[in-house]
Amino acid sequence: MTKEEKGLLEKLSSGALDGFVGDDLVTGKSTVWKAIKNGVPAMFKQGPSKRVFNGKENERIDGVLHTLQEWATDEEKLEFLRKFGWLMKDAAVRAYSAKFKPKK
């Protein structure tokens, strides 16, 4: 593991990179997105919401939230940064991700 990778993992575990990664993807009525929470990157999917009449008015019930994938180990976190780092706002992460961009 290089010095750069160790620095990125420290930044990730400190919570400095927490938040959404990229944009939402709407598949039919479900929504899929990637986010970093407490230094752990994950991919989530939320199913479609429902409307139910409760006797007086319609209520909206959110769909079920699924965790599709979680990058938990240090090697998996680095793999996430290599693959999706270009979508993040941090310059160091973008530079790291650019090193692994496929050549045409």
Protein backbone atom coordinates (compact mmCIF):
# COMPACT_ATOMS: atom_id res chain seq x y z
CA MET A 1 0.00 0.00 0.00
CA THR A 2 1.42 3.36 -1.03
CA LYS A 3 1.62 6.51 1.06
CA GLU A 4 -1.08 8.10 -1.13
CA GLU A 5 -3.46 5.17 -0.54
CA LYS A 6 -2.90 5.30 3.22
CA GLY A 7 -3.68 9.03 3.19
CA LEU A 8 -6.88 8.45 1.22
CA LEU A 9 -8.00 5.70 3.62
CA GLU A 10 -7.36 8.01 6.60
CA LYS A 11 -9.37 10.77 4.91
CA LEU A 12 -12.17 8.28 4.23
CA SER A 13 -12.26 6.94 7.80
CA SER A 14 -12.23 10.45 9.29
CA GLY A 15 -15.55 11.20 7.56
CA ALA A 16 -14.15 13.93 5.31
CA LEU A 17 -15.48 12.17 2.19
CA ASP A 18 -18.94 11.25 3.58
CA GLY A 19 -21.94 12.02 1.37
CA PHE A 20 -23.45 11.14 -1.99
CA VAL A 21 -21.22 9.90 -4.81
CA GLY A 22 -22.43 10.75 -8.30
CA ASP A 23 -26.11 11.03 -9.21
CA ASP A 24 -29.21 8.98 -8.53
CA LEU A 25 -30.24 6.37 -11.08
CA VAL A 26 -33.97 5.80 -11.50
CA THR A 27 -34.77 2.28 -12.72
CA GLY A 28 -38.48 2.04 -13.38
CA LYS A 29 -39.90 3.27 -10.08
CA SER A 30 -36.90 2.43 -7.88
CA THR A 31 -33.91 4.67 -7.16
CA VAL A 32 -30.29 3.49 -6.91
CA TRP A 33 -27.42 5.60 -5.52
CA LYS A 34 -23.96 5.40 -3.97
CA ALA A 35 -23.05 7.11 -0.72
CA ILE A 36 -20.33 7.10 1.93
CA LYS A 37 -21.55 6.92 5.54
CA ASN A 38 -19.10 6.87 8.46
CA GLY A 39 -16.23 6.16 6.07
CA VAL A 40 -17.87 3.09 4.48
CA PRO A 41 -18.94 3.33 0.82
CA ALA A 42 -22.17 1.54 -0.08
CA MET A 43 -24.72 1.26 -2.88
CA PHE A 44 -28.39 1.59 -1.94
CA LYS A 45 -31.70 0.94 -3.66
CA GLN A 46 -35.07 2.24 -2.54
CA GLY A 47 -38.20 0.67 -3.95
CA PRO A 48 -41.23 2.58 -5.12
CA SER A 49 -43.37 4.39 -2.57
CA LYS A 50 -47.02 3.48 -1.99
CA ARG A 51 -50.14 5.49 -1.34
CA VAL A 52 -52.56 4.15 1.25
CA PHE A 53 -55.90 5.58 2.27
CA ASN A 54 -56.08 5.75 6.08
CA GLY A 55 -59.80 6.59 6.34
CA LYS A 56 -59.36 10.37 6.07
CA GLU A 57 -56.67 11.02 3.48
CA ASN A 58 -54.03 9.36 1.33
CA GLU A 59 -50.73 8.64 3.08
CA ARG A 60 -47.45 8.14 1.26
CA ILE A 61 -45.31 5.23 2.53
CA ASP A 62 -41.67 5.10 1.43
CA GLY A 63 -40.43 2.02 -0.37
CA VAL A 64 -38.10 -0.54 1.19
CA LEU A 65 -34.44 0.50 1.46
CA HIS A 66 -31.94 -2.18 0.40
CA THR A 67 -28.14 -2.11 0.71
CA LEU A 68 -26.98 -3.63 -2.56
CA GLN A 69 -23.24 -3.54 -1.93
CA GLU A 70 -20.86 -2.40 0.77
CA TRP A 71 -17.12 -1.83 0.43
CA ALA A 72 -15.91 -2.67 3.98
CA THR A 73 -12.24 -3.72 3.83
CA ASP A 74 -9.37 -1.35 3.04
CA GLU A 75 -8.74 -3.04 -0.33
CA GLU A 76 -12.44 -2.79 -1.24
CA LYS A 77 -12.50 0.90 -0.24
CA LEU A 78 -9.51 1.58 -2.48
CA GLU A 79 -11.27 -0.31 -5.29
CA PHE A 80 -14.31 1.95 -4.78
CA LEU A 81 -12.12 5.08 -4.94
CA ARG A 82 -10.42 3.80 -8.11
CA LYS A 83 -13.74 3.08 -9.81
CA PHE A 84 -15.96 5.93 -8.58
CA GLY A 85 -13.46 8.53 -7.34
CA TRP A 86 -13.86 10.64 -10.48
CA LEU A 87 -17.45 11.37 -9.36
CA MET A 88 -16.32 12.94 -6.07
CA LYS A 89 -15.45 16.58 -5.38
CA ASP A 90 -12.12 15.91 -3.63
CA ALA A 91 -9.11 16.68 -5.87
CA ALA A 92 -6.84 14.01 -4.34
CA VAL A 93 -9.46 11.30 -4.89
CA ARG A 94 -10.02 12.42 -8.49
CA ALA A 95 -6.28 12.32 -9.17
CA TYR A 96 -6.03 8.82 -7.66
CA SER A 97 -8.99 7.60 -9.73
CA ALA A 98 -7.51 9.09 -12.93
CA LYS A 99 -4.45 6.82 -12.57
CA PHE A 100 -6.69 3.77 -13.08
CA LYS A 101 -8.75 5.10 -15.97
CA PRO A 102 -8.72 2.58 -18.83
CA LYS A 103 -6.57 3.49 -21.81
CA LYS A 104 -8.28 3.69 -25.20
